[in-house]
Amino acid sequence: MEPMTSPPLPLETIRALVDANSDGPMTVLGIGGFGGAGKSTLARQVADRIPGAQIVSTDAFWTGSSFDLGRLRTDVLDRLLAGSIAQFDEWNWATKTTDPDRRVHPTGLIIVEGVCALHQMFRDDLSVRVWVEAPRDVRLERGVARDGEQSRITWETVWMPNELAYVERDNPIACAHMVVDGTRPFE
């Protein structure tokens, strides 16, 4: 009888995918998923294990009324892919204003995380693509826990329907190298 081996944990598998797809001074990892699935947590845990990793959240490109993914494309990805430092204004959700002069250097691991991180506009430039999956009720409760009970109606009537429409239209899950269960520890 062969000894039982446990499957690799998501962080180990992601690290292996990043290592296997690193072919220059910079590797771009996209982590997508519905709101509350665990994308930001996974991104932080990956960054904590890879020295010098930098995180760019799609949430940084909120304008106060919509997400400006075109600015993420031009101000960040296009500049980084050209070997230049990306400098951009980042939305501050606490103050509801932008913080100027966020910089990302074109070296090491760049993690782009957010609902639209695997958007068709970006996916060809992502060396590794990960989708984080979690049931709707878990995502809703996490979102409300983070944003406050007053946000429940917005989560249910705005965020979640818009995310679902994006996923149905853009099919980011189909391009993922890996789908991670956001209800289990990533360790």
N, C-alpha and C. Protein backbone atom coordinates (compact mmCIF):
# COMPACT_ATOMS: atom_id res chain seq x y z
N MET A 1 0.84 -1.18 0.00
CA MET A 1 0.00 0.00 0.00
C MET A 1 0.89 1.24 0.00
N GLU A 2 0.55 2.20 -0.86
CA GLU A 2 1.31 3.45 -0.91
C GLU A 2 0.85 4.36 0.22
N PRO A 3 1.78 5.13 0.77
CA PRO A 3 1.38 6.04 1.84
C PRO A 3 0.45 7.11 1.29
N MET A 4 -0.49 7.54 2.11
CA MET A 4 -1.41 8.60 1.70
C MET A 4 -0.68 9.93 1.79
N THR A 5 -0.86 10.73 0.79
CA THR A 5 -0.32 12.08 0.84
C THR A 5 -1.49 13.04 0.74
N SER A 6 -1.38 14.11 1.46
CA SER A 6 -2.46 15.10 1.40
C SER A 6 -2.24 15.98 0.18
N PRO A 7 -3.32 16.49 -0.40
CA PRO A 7 -3.15 17.37 -1.55
C PRO A 7 -2.46 18.66 -1.11
N PRO A 8 -1.74 19.29 -2.03
CA PRO A 8 -1.08 20.54 -1.66
C PRO A 8 -2.11 21.58 -1.25
N LEU A 9 -1.75 22.38 -0.29
CA LEU A 9 -2.62 23.47 0.14
C LEU A 9 -2.61 24.57 -0.91
N PRO A 10 -3.66 25.39 -0.96
CA PRO A 10 -3.72 26.43 -1.99
C PRO A 10 -2.48 27.32 -2.07
N LEU A 11 -1.93 27.72 -0.93
CA LEU A 11 -0.75 28.59 -0.98
C LEU A 11 0.44 27.89 -1.61
N GLU A 12 0.60 26.61 -1.33
CA GLU A 12 1.70 25.84 -1.94
C GLU A 12 1.50 25.74 -3.44
N THR A 13 0.28 25.46 -3.86
CA THR A 13 -0.01 25.32 -5.29
C THR A 13 0.16 26.65 -6.01
N ILE A 14 -0.32 27.73 -5.41
CA ILE A 14 -0.16 29.04 -6.02
C ILE A 14 1.32 29.38 -6.14
N ARG A 15 2.09 29.13 -5.10
CA ARG A 15 3.53 29.40 -5.15
C ARG A 15 4.18 28.60 -6.28
N ALA A 16 3.80 27.33 -6.44
CA ALA A 16 4.34 26.50 -7.51
C ALA A 16 3.95 27.06 -8.88
N LEU A 17 2.70 27.50 -9.02
CA LEU A 17 2.27 28.11 -10.29
C LEU A 17 3.03 29.38 -10.59
N VAL A 18 3.23 30.22 -9.58
CA VAL A 18 3.99 31.46 -9.76
C VAL A 18 5.42 31.12 -10.16
N ASP A 19 6.05 30.20 -9.46
CA ASP A 19 7.43 29.82 -9.79
C ASP A 19 7.53 29.27 -11.21
N ALA A 20 6.57 28.46 -11.61
CA ALA A 20 6.59 27.84 -12.94
C ALA A 20 6.32 28.86 -14.05
N ASN A 21 5.67 29.97 -13.73
CA ASN A 21 5.31 30.95 -14.75
C ASN A 21 6.08 32.26 -14.63
N SER A 22 7.17 32.23 -13.88
CA SER A 22 8.03 33.41 -13.75
C SER A 22 9.10 33.35 -14.83
N ASP A 23 9.05 34.30 -15.74
CA ASP A 23 10.02 34.26 -16.83
C ASP A 23 10.66 35.62 -17.10
N GLY A 24 10.69 36.45 -16.13
CA GLY A 24 11.28 37.77 -16.29
C GLY A 24 11.39 38.46 -14.95
N PRO A 25 11.57 39.76 -14.96
CA PRO A 25 11.72 40.49 -13.70
C PRO A 25 10.42 40.61 -12.92
N MET A 26 9.29 40.32 -13.58
CA MET A 26 7.99 40.52 -12.94
C MET A 26 7.05 39.39 -13.34
N THR A 27 6.25 38.94 -12.36
CA THR A 27 5.20 37.96 -12.60
C THR A 27 3.91 38.55 -12.07
N VAL A 28 2.83 38.46 -12.86
CA VAL A 28 1.55 39.02 -12.44
C VAL A 28 0.57 37.90 -12.13
N LEU A 29 0.09 37.89 -10.89
CA LEU A 29 -0.88 36.92 -10.41
C LEU A 29 -2.22 37.62 -10.26
N GLY A 30 -3.25 37.11 -10.90
CA GLY A 30 -4.59 37.64 -10.75
C GLY A 30 -5.40 36.76 -9.82
N ILE A 31 -6.04 37.37 -8.82
CA ILE A 31 -6.91 36.63 -7.90
C ILE A 31 -8.29 37.27 -7.98
N GLY A 32 -9.23 36.55 -8.59
CA GLY A 32 -10.59 37.03 -8.75
C GLY A 32 -11.56 36.22 -7.91
N GLY A 33 -12.79 36.68 -7.86
CA GLY A 33 -13.84 36.00 -7.12
C GLY A 33 -14.91 37.00 -6.76
N PHE A 34 -16.05 36.50 -6.34
CA PHE A 34 -17.12 37.38 -5.90
C PHE A 34 -16.70 38.11 -4.63
N GLY A 35 -17.36 39.25 -4.34
CA GLY A 35 -17.12 39.97 -3.10
C GLY A 35 -17.35 39.07 -1.90
N GLY A 36 -16.45 39.11 -0.94
CA GLY A 36 -16.58 38.32 0.27
C GLY A 36 -16.10 36.89 0.14
N ALA A 37 -15.56 36.52 -1.02
CA ALA A 37 -15.12 35.13 -1.21
C ALA A 37 -13.81 34.82 -0.50
N GLY A 38 -12.98 35.83 -0.27
CA GLY A 38 -11.69 35.61 0.39
C GLY A 38 -10.49 36.03 -0.46
N LYS A 39 -10.72 36.81 -1.51
CA LYS A 39 -9.65 37.23 -2.43
C LYS A 39 -8.57 38.04 -1.73
N SER A 40 -8.97 39.03 -0.98
CA SER A 40 -8.00 39.91 -0.32
C SER A 40 -7.20 39.14 0.72
N THR A 41 -7.86 38.26 1.45
CA THR A 41 -7.16 37.44 2.44
C THR A 41 -6.13 36.55 1.76
N LEU A 42 -6.53 35.90 0.68
CA LEU A 42 -5.59 35.05 -0.06
C LEU A 42 -4.44 35.88 -0.61
N ALA A 43 -4.72 37.04 -1.18
CA ALA A 43 -3.67 37.89 -1.72
C ALA A 43 -2.66 38.28 -0.64
N ARG A 44 -3.15 38.66 0.54
CA ARG A 44 -2.25 39.03 1.64
C ARG A 44 -1.40 37.84 2.08
N GLN A 45 -2.02 36.66 2.15
CA GLN A 45 -1.26 35.48 2.58
C GLN A 45 -0.20 35.09 1.55
N VAL A 46 -0.51 35.20 0.27
CA VAL A 46 0.50 34.94 -0.76
C VAL A 46 1.62 35.98 -0.63
N ALA A 47 1.26 37.24 -0.51
CA ALA A 47 2.26 38.31 -0.42
C ALA A 47 3.14 38.15 0.81
N ASP A 48 2.57 37.68 1.90
CA ASP A 48 3.35 37.47 3.12
C ASP A 48 4.42 36.40 2.94
N ARG A 49 4.23 35.50 1.99
CA ARG A 49 5.16 34.39 1.79
C ARG A 49 6.16 34.61 0.65
N ILE A 50 5.96 35.68 -0.12
CA ILE A 50 6.85 35.95 -1.23
C ILE A 50 7.45 37.34 -1.03
N PRO A 51 8.70 37.41 -0.63
CA PRO A 51 9.32 38.71 -0.34
C PRO A 51 9.20 39.69 -1.51
N GLY A 52 8.83 40.90 -1.18
CA GLY A 52 8.74 41.96 -2.18
C GLY A 52 7.45 41.96 -2.99
N ALA A 53 6.54 41.02 -2.74
CA ALA A 53 5.28 40.98 -3.50
C ALA A 53 4.50 42.27 -3.25
N GLN A 54 3.85 42.75 -4.29
CA GLN A 54 3.05 43.97 -4.22
C GLN A 54 1.61 43.64 -4.61
N ILE A 55 0.66 44.24 -3.92
CA ILE A 55 -0.76 43.98 -4.18
C ILE A 55 -1.41 45.23 -4.76
N VAL A 56 -2.17 45.03 -5.83
CA VAL A 56 -3.00 46.08 -6.40
C VAL A 56 -4.43 45.54 -6.37
N SER A 57 -5.31 46.27 -5.71
CA SER A 57 -6.70 45.85 -5.62
C SER A 57 -7.53 46.58 -6.67
N THR A 58 -8.43 45.85 -7.31
CA THR A 58 -9.33 46.52 -8.24
C THR A 58 -10.20 47.53 -7.51
N ASP A 59 -10.41 47.35 -6.21
CA ASP A 59 -11.18 48.31 -5.41
C ASP A 59 -10.53 49.69 -5.39
N ALA A 60 -9.24 49.76 -5.65
CA ALA A 60 -8.53 51.04 -5.68
C ALA A 60 -9.00 51.92 -6.84
N PHE A 61 -9.69 51.32 -7.80
CA PHE A 61 -10.09 52.04 -9.00
C PHE A 61 -11.58 52.39 -9.02
N TRP A 62 -12.18 52.42 -7.82
CA TRP A 62 -13.54 52.92 -7.65
C TRP A 62 -13.50 54.43 -7.81
N THR A 63 -14.48 54.99 -8.45
CA THR A 63 -14.51 56.44 -8.68
C THR A 63 -15.46 57.16 -7.73
N GLY A 64 -16.17 56.39 -6.91
CA GLY A 64 -17.22 56.95 -6.09
C GLY A 64 -18.58 56.54 -6.63
N SER A 65 -18.59 56.08 -7.90
CA SER A 65 -19.85 55.62 -8.50
C SER A 65 -19.67 54.39 -9.38
N SER A 66 -18.44 54.08 -9.79
CA SER A 66 -18.20 52.90 -10.63
C SER A 66 -16.71 52.54 -10.57
N PHE A 67 -16.38 51.37 -11.10
CA PHE A 67 -14.99 50.95 -11.17
C PHE A 67 -14.42 51.36 -12.51
N ASP A 68 -13.26 52.02 -12.49
CA ASP A 68 -12.60 52.47 -13.71
C ASP A 68 -11.50 51.46 -14.06
N LEU A 69 -11.91 50.34 -14.65
CA LEU A 69 -10.96 49.29 -14.99
C LEU A 69 -10.02 49.73 -16.10
N GLY A 70 -10.46 50.66 -16.93
CA GLY A 70 -9.58 51.20 -17.97
C GLY A 70 -8.35 51.87 -17.36
N ARG A 71 -8.54 52.53 -16.23
CA ARG A 71 -7.41 53.17 -15.55
C ARG A 71 -6.47 52.14 -14.96
N LEU A 72 -7.01 51.03 -14.45
CA LEU A 72 -6.16 49.94 -13.98
C LEU A 72 -5.32 49.42 -15.15
N ARG A 73 -5.94 49.30 -16.30
CA ARG A 73 -5.24 48.83 -17.50
C ARG A 73 -4.10 49.79 -17.87
N THR A 74 -4.43 51.08 -18.05
CA THR A 74 -3.44 52.04 -18.57
C THR A 74 -2.44 52.51 -17.51
N ASP A 75 -2.93 52.81 -16.32
CA ASP A 75 -2.05 53.38 -15.29
C ASP A 75 -1.20 52.34 -14.57
N VAL A 76 -1.64 51.09 -14.59
CA VAL A 76 -0.90 50.06 -13.85
C VAL A 76 -0.34 49.00 -14.79
N LEU A 77 -1.19 48.18 -15.35
CA LEU A 77 -0.68 47.05 -16.13
C LEU A 77 0.15 47.48 -17.34
N ASP A 78 -0.34 48.43 -18.12
CA ASP A 78 0.44 48.85 -19.29
C ASP A 78 1.81 49.40 -18.90
N ARG A 79 1.85 50.19 -17.84
CA ARG A 79 3.13 50.76 -17.40
C ARG A 79 4.07 49.68 -16.87
N LEU A 80 3.53 48.78 -16.05
CA LEU A 80 4.37 47.71 -15.50
C LEU A 80 4.90 46.82 -16.63
N LEU A 81 4.05 46.47 -17.58
CA LEU A 81 4.46 45.60 -18.68
C LEU A 81 5.51 46.27 -19.56
N ALA A 82 5.52 47.60 -19.56
CA ALA A 82 6.54 48.36 -20.31
C ALA A 82 7.83 48.52 -19.50
N GLY A 83 7.81 47.98 -18.26
CA GLY A 83 8.99 48.08 -17.41
C GLY A 83 9.09 49.37 -16.61
N SER A 84 8.00 50.13 -16.56
CA SER A 84 7.97 51.40 -15.84
C SER A 84 7.25 51.25 -14.51
N ILE A 85 7.53 52.18 -13.61
CA ILE A 85 6.81 52.22 -12.33
C ILE A 85 5.39 52.69 -12.61
N ALA A 86 4.43 52.01 -12.02
CA ALA A 86 3.03 52.43 -12.10
C ALA A 86 2.75 53.38 -10.95
N GLN A 87 2.20 54.52 -11.26
CA GLN A 87 1.84 55.50 -10.24
C GLN A 87 0.39 55.88 -10.48
N PHE A 88 -0.43 55.81 -9.43
CA PHE A 88 -1.84 56.06 -9.60
C PHE A 88 -2.46 56.55 -8.30
N ASP A 89 -3.63 57.16 -8.44
CA ASP A 89 -4.43 57.54 -7.29
C ASP A 89 -5.29 56.35 -6.91
N GLU A 90 -5.38 56.10 -5.60
CA GLU A 90 -6.07 54.92 -5.08
C GLU A 90 -7.27 55.36 -4.24
N TRP A 91 -8.44 54.78 -4.54
CA TRP A 91 -9.64 55.11 -3.77
C TRP A 91 -9.48 54.66 -2.33
N ASN A 92 -9.81 55.54 -1.40
CA ASN A 92 -9.79 55.23 0.01
C ASN A 92 -11.23 55.05 0.46
N TRP A 93 -11.62 53.82 0.73
CA TRP A 93 -13.01 53.52 1.06
C TRP A 93 -13.43 54.13 2.40
N ALA A 94 -12.49 54.32 3.31
CA ALA A 94 -12.82 54.89 4.62
C ALA A 94 -13.15 56.38 4.52
N THR A 95 -12.34 57.12 3.76
CA THR A 95 -12.55 58.57 3.65
C THR A 95 -13.40 58.96 2.45
N LYS A 96 -13.63 57.99 1.54
CA LYS A 96 -14.38 58.23 0.31
C LYS A 96 -13.72 59.31 -0.56
N THR A 97 -12.39 59.28 -0.56
CA THR A 97 -11.58 60.17 -1.40
C THR A 97 -10.45 59.34 -2.02
N THR A 98 -9.67 59.96 -2.85
CA THR A 98 -8.52 59.24 -3.41
C THR A 98 -7.25 59.63 -2.68
N ASP A 99 -6.39 58.64 -2.52
CA ASP A 99 -5.05 58.88 -1.97
C ASP A 99 -4.10 58.91 -3.17
N PRO A 100 -3.36 59.99 -3.34
CA PRO A 100 -2.51 60.11 -4.53
C PRO A 100 -1.19 59.34 -4.39
N ASP A 101 -0.60 59.13 -5.53
CA ASP A 101 0.79 58.67 -5.63
C ASP A 101 1.08 57.27 -5.12
N ARG A 102 0.16 56.35 -5.28
CA ARG A 102 0.47 54.94 -4.99
C ARG A 102 1.44 54.48 -6.08
N ARG A 103 2.48 53.77 -5.71
CA ARG A 103 3.48 53.30 -6.67
C ARG A 103 3.65 51.79 -6.58
N VAL A 104 3.77 51.18 -7.75
CA VAL A 104 4.05 49.76 -7.86
C VAL A 104 5.22 49.62 -8.81
N HIS A 105 6.22 48.88 -8.38
CA HIS A 105 7.44 48.71 -9.18
C HIS A 105 7.36 47.45 -10.04
N PRO A 106 7.93 47.49 -11.24
CA PRO A 106 7.82 46.36 -12.17
C PRO A 106 8.81 45.23 -11.88
N THR A 107 8.79 44.77 -10.63
CA THR A 107 9.70 43.69 -10.24
C THR A 107 8.97 42.72 -9.30
N GLY A 108 9.43 41.49 -9.31
CA GLY A 108 8.89 40.49 -8.40
C GLY A 108 7.46 40.11 -8.72
N LEU A 109 6.73 39.74 -7.69
CA LEU A 109 5.35 39.32 -7.85
C LEU A 109 4.41 40.50 -7.67
N ILE A 110 3.57 40.73 -8.68
CA ILE A 110 2.51 41.74 -8.60
C ILE A 110 1.21 40.96 -8.51
N ILE A 111 0.44 41.19 -7.45
CA ILE A 111 -0.84 40.51 -7.27
C ILE A 111 -1.95 41.51 -7.56
N VAL A 112 -2.75 41.22 -8.55
CA VAL A 112 -3.93 42.02 -8.85
C VAL A 112 -5.12 41.24 -8.31
N GLU A 113 -5.80 41.81 -7.31
CA GLU A 113 -6.91 41.08 -6.70
C GLU A 113 -8.17 41.92 -6.71
N GLY A 114 -9.29 41.23 -6.89
CA GLY A 114 -10.58 41.90 -6.86
C GLY A 114 -11.58 41.15 -7.70
N VAL A 115 -12.82 41.57 -7.61
CA VAL A 115 -13.89 40.89 -8.34
C VAL A 115 -13.53 40.79 -9.82
N CYS A 116 -13.05 41.86 -10.41
CA CYS A 116 -12.77 41.90 -11.85
C CYS A 116 -11.30 41.67 -12.19
N ALA A 117 -10.54 41.08 -11.28
CA ALA A 117 -9.11 40.87 -11.53
C ALA A 117 -8.85 39.94 -12.72
N LEU A 118 -9.78 39.05 -13.03
CA LEU A 118 -9.60 38.14 -14.17
C LEU A 118 -10.41 38.59 -15.38
N HIS A 119 -10.75 39.86 -15.42
CA HIS A 119 -11.52 40.44 -16.53
C HIS A 119 -10.80 40.20 -17.85
N GLN A 120 -11.55 40.06 -18.92
CA GLN A 120 -10.96 39.83 -20.25
C GLN A 120 -9.93 40.88 -20.61
N MET A 121 -10.09 42.09 -20.12
CA MET A 121 -9.18 43.18 -20.41
C MET A 121 -7.76 42.92 -19.85
N PHE A 122 -7.65 42.06 -18.83
CA PHE A 122 -6.37 41.83 -18.16
C PHE A 122 -5.83 40.42 -18.35
N ARG A 123 -6.68 39.46 -18.60
CA ARG A 123 -6.29 38.06 -18.42
C ARG A 123 -5.11 37.61 -19.25
N ASP A 124 -4.91 38.15 -20.44
CA ASP A 124 -3.75 37.73 -21.23
C ASP A 124 -2.42 38.19 -20.62
N ASP A 125 -2.48 39.18 -19.75
CA ASP A 125 -1.27 39.69 -19.12
C ASP A 125 -1.02 39.10 -17.73
N LEU A 126 -1.91 38.22 -17.29
CA LEU A 126 -1.77 37.58 -15.98
C LEU A 126 -1.03 36.26 -16.17
N SER A 127 0.12 36.14 -15.53
CA SER A 127 0.91 34.91 -15.63
C SER A 127 0.19 33.74 -14.99
N VAL A 128 -0.51 34.02 -13.89
CA VAL A 128 -1.25 33.00 -13.14
C VAL A 128 -2.61 33.61 -12.79
N ARG A 129 -3.67 32.81 -12.95
CA ARG A 129 -5.03 33.28 -12.67
C ARG A 129 -5.69 32.32 -11.67
N VAL A 130 -6.17 32.89 -10.56
CA VAL A 130 -6.82 32.12 -9.49
C VAL A 130 -8.20 32.69 -9.24
N TRP A 131 -9.19 31.83 -9.12
CA TRP A 131 -10.55 32.23 -8.76
C TRP A 131 -10.83 31.70 -7.36
N VAL A 132 -11.36 32.54 -6.48
CA VAL A 132 -11.74 32.14 -5.13
C VAL A 132 -13.25 32.01 -5.09
N GLU A 133 -13.72 30.84 -4.68
CA GLU A 133 -15.15 30.52 -4.69
C GLU A 133 -15.66 30.37 -3.26
N ALA A 134 -16.86 30.90 -3.00
CA ALA A 134 -17.54 30.72 -1.71
C ALA A 134 -19.04 30.87 -1.95
N PRO A 135 -19.86 30.19 -1.16
CA PRO A 135 -21.31 30.29 -1.33
C PRO A 135 -21.82 31.70 -1.08
N ARG A 136 -22.93 32.02 -1.71
CA ARG A 136 -23.52 33.35 -1.62
C ARG A 136 -23.76 33.78 -0.18
N ASP A 137 -24.33 32.91 0.65
CA ASP A 137 -24.65 33.29 2.03
C ASP A 137 -23.39 33.61 2.83
N VAL A 138 -22.31 32.88 2.59
CA VAL A 138 -21.04 33.16 3.27
C VAL A 138 -20.51 34.52 2.83
N ARG A 139 -20.54 34.77 1.52
CA ARG A 139 -20.04 36.04 0.99
C ARG A 139 -20.83 37.22 1.51
N LEU A 140 -22.16 37.06 1.56
CA LEU A 140 -23.01 38.13 2.06
C LEU A 140 -22.71 38.43 3.52
N GLU A 141 -22.60 37.41 4.33
CA GLU A 141 -22.33 37.63 5.76
C GLU A 141 -20.95 38.26 5.98
N ARG A 142 -19.97 37.85 5.20
CA ARG A 142 -18.65 38.46 5.31
C ARG A 142 -18.69 39.93 4.91
N GLY A 143 -19.39 40.23 3.83
CA GLY A 143 -19.50 41.61 3.38
C GLY A 143 -20.18 42.50 4.40
N VAL A 144 -21.28 41.99 4.96
CA VAL A 144 -22.01 42.76 5.98
C VAL A 144 -21.17 42.90 7.25
N ALA A 145 -20.44 41.86 7.62
CA ALA A 145 -19.57 41.95 8.80
C ALA A 145 -18.50 43.02 8.61
N ARG A 146 -17.99 43.12 7.40
CA ARG A 146 -16.95 44.12 7.11
C ARG A 146 -17.52 45.51 6.98
N ASP A 147 -18.66 45.64 6.26
CA ASP A 147 -19.18 46.96 5.90
C ASP A 147 -20.29 47.48 6.80
N GLY A 148 -20.80 46.62 7.68
CA GLY A 148 -21.86 47.03 8.59
C GLY A 148 -23.23 46.59 8.10
N GLU A 149 -24.14 46.38 9.04
CA GLU A 149 -25.48 45.88 8.72
C GLU A 149 -26.21 46.81 7.75
N GLN A 150 -25.94 48.10 7.81
CA GLN A 150 -26.60 49.04 6.91
C GLN A 150 -26.23 48.78 5.44
N SER A 151 -25.18 48.02 5.20
CA SER A 151 -24.76 47.73 3.83
C SER A 151 -25.47 46.52 3.22
N ARG A 152 -26.21 45.77 4.03
CA ARG A 152 -26.84 44.53 3.54
C ARG A 152 -27.68 44.77 2.28
N ILE A 153 -28.50 45.80 2.28
CA ILE A 153 -29.38 46.05 1.13
C ILE A 153 -28.54 46.34 -0.13
N THR A 154 -27.45 47.07 0.03
CA THR A 154 -26.58 47.37 -1.11
C THR A 154 -25.92 46.10 -1.61
N TRP A 155 -25.45 45.27 -0.69
CA TRP A 155 -24.86 43.99 -1.09
C TRP A 155 -25.88 43.16 -1.87
N GLU A 156 -27.11 43.08 -1.37
CA GLU A 156 -28.12 42.21 -1.99
C GLU A 156 -28.71 42.77 -3.28
N THR A 157 -28.82 44.08 -3.39
CA THR A 157 -29.50 44.66 -4.56
C THR A 157 -28.57 45.30 -5.58
N VAL A 158 -27.32 45.57 -5.19
CA VAL A 158 -26.39 46.22 -6.12
C VAL A 158 -25.16 45.35 -6.37
N TRP A 159 -24.33 45.16 -5.32
CA TRP A 159 -23.05 44.47 -5.52
C TRP A 159 -23.22 43.06 -6.08
N MET A 160 -23.99 42.25 -5.39
CA MET A 160 -24.10 40.84 -5.79
C MET A 160 -24.73 40.65 -7.17
N PRO A 161 -25.81 41.36 -7.50
CA PRO A 161 -26.34 41.22 -8.87
C PRO A 161 -25.36 41.69 -9.94
N ASN A 162 -24.64 42.79 -9.67
CA ASN A 162 -23.66 43.29 -10.64
C ASN A 162 -22.51 42.31 -10.83
N GLU A 163 -22.05 41.71 -9.74
CA GLU A 163 -20.98 40.72 -9.84
C GLU A 163 -21.44 39.50 -10.64
N LEU A 164 -22.64 39.05 -10.36
CA LEU A 164 -23.17 37.89 -11.07
C LEU A 164 -23.29 38.18 -12.57
N ALA A 165 -23.75 39.37 -12.92
CA ALA A 165 -23.85 39.75 -14.33
C ALA A 165 -22.47 39.77 -14.98
N TYR A 166 -21.47 40.30 -14.27
CA TYR A 166 -20.10 40.30 -14.79
C TYR A 166 -19.60 38.88 -15.04
N VAL A 167 -19.80 37.99 -14.07
CA VAL A 167 -19.31 36.61 -14.20
C VAL A 167 -20.03 35.90 -15.35
N GLU A 168 -21.33 36.11 -15.47
CA GLU A 168 -22.07 35.49 -16.57
C GLU A 168 -21.62 36.02 -17.92
N ARG A 169 -21.29 37.30 -18.01
CA ARG A 169 -20.88 37.93 -19.26
C ARG A 169 -19.43 37.62 -19.62
N ASP A 170 -18.54 37.69 -18.63
CA ASP A 170 -17.10 37.64 -18.88
C ASP A 170 -16.48 36.26 -18.64
N ASN A 171 -17.14 35.41 -17.87
CA ASN A 171 -16.71 34.04 -17.56
C ASN A 171 -15.25 33.96 -17.07
N PRO A 172 -14.91 34.68 -16.01
CA PRO A 172 -13.54 34.64 -15.50
C PRO A 172 -13.14 33.28 -14.93
N ILE A 173 -14.09 32.50 -14.49
CA ILE A 173 -13.76 31.21 -13.89
C ILE A 173 -13.14 30.29 -14.92
N ALA A 174 -13.60 30.37 -16.16
CA ALA A 174 -13.10 29.48 -17.22
C ALA A 174 -11.62 29.69 -17.51
N CYS A 175 -11.09 30.87 -17.24
CA CYS A 175 -9.68 31.14 -17.55
C CYS A 175 -8.76 30.84 -16.37
N ALA A 176 -9.32 30.51 -15.22
CA ALA A 176 -8.50 30.31 -14.01
C ALA A 176 -7.64 29.05 -14.13
N HIS A 177 -6.39 29.19 -13.71
CA HIS A 177 -5.50 28.03 -13.60
C HIS A 177 -5.90 27.18 -12.40
N MET A 178 -6.58 27.83 -11.44
CA MET A 178 -6.90 27.16 -10.18
C MET A 178 -8.13 27.82 -9.57
N VAL A 179 -9.02 27.01 -9.01
CA VAL A 179 -10.16 27.51 -8.26
C VAL A 179 -9.95 27.10 -6.81
N VAL A 180 -10.03 28.07 -5.92
CA VAL A 180 -9.74 27.86 -4.50
C VAL A 180 -11.04 27.98 -3.71
N ASP A 181 -11.22 27.12 -2.74
CA ASP A 181 -12.37 27.16 -1.84
C ASP A 181 -12.12 28.25 -0.78
N GLY A 182 -12.87 29.34 -0.87
CA GLY A 182 -12.70 30.45 0.05
C GLY A 182 -13.28 30.23 1.43
N THR A 183 -13.89 29.07 1.67
CA THR A 183 -14.44 28.78 2.99
C THR A 183 -13.46 27.99 3.84
N ARG A 184 -12.36 27.54 3.25
CA ARG A 184 -11.37 26.73 3.97
C ARG A 184 -10.11 27.55 4.19
N PRO A 185 -9.33 27.25 5.18
CA PRO A 185 -8.06 27.95 5.39
C PRO A 185 -7.15 27.79 4.19
N PHE A 186 -6.44 28.85 3.84
CA PHE A 186 -5.54 28.82 2.70
C PHE A 186 -4.18 28.24 3.05
N GLU A 187 -3.87 28.19 4.34
CA GLU A 187 -2.56 27.74 4.81
C GLU A 187 -2.14 26.43 4.19
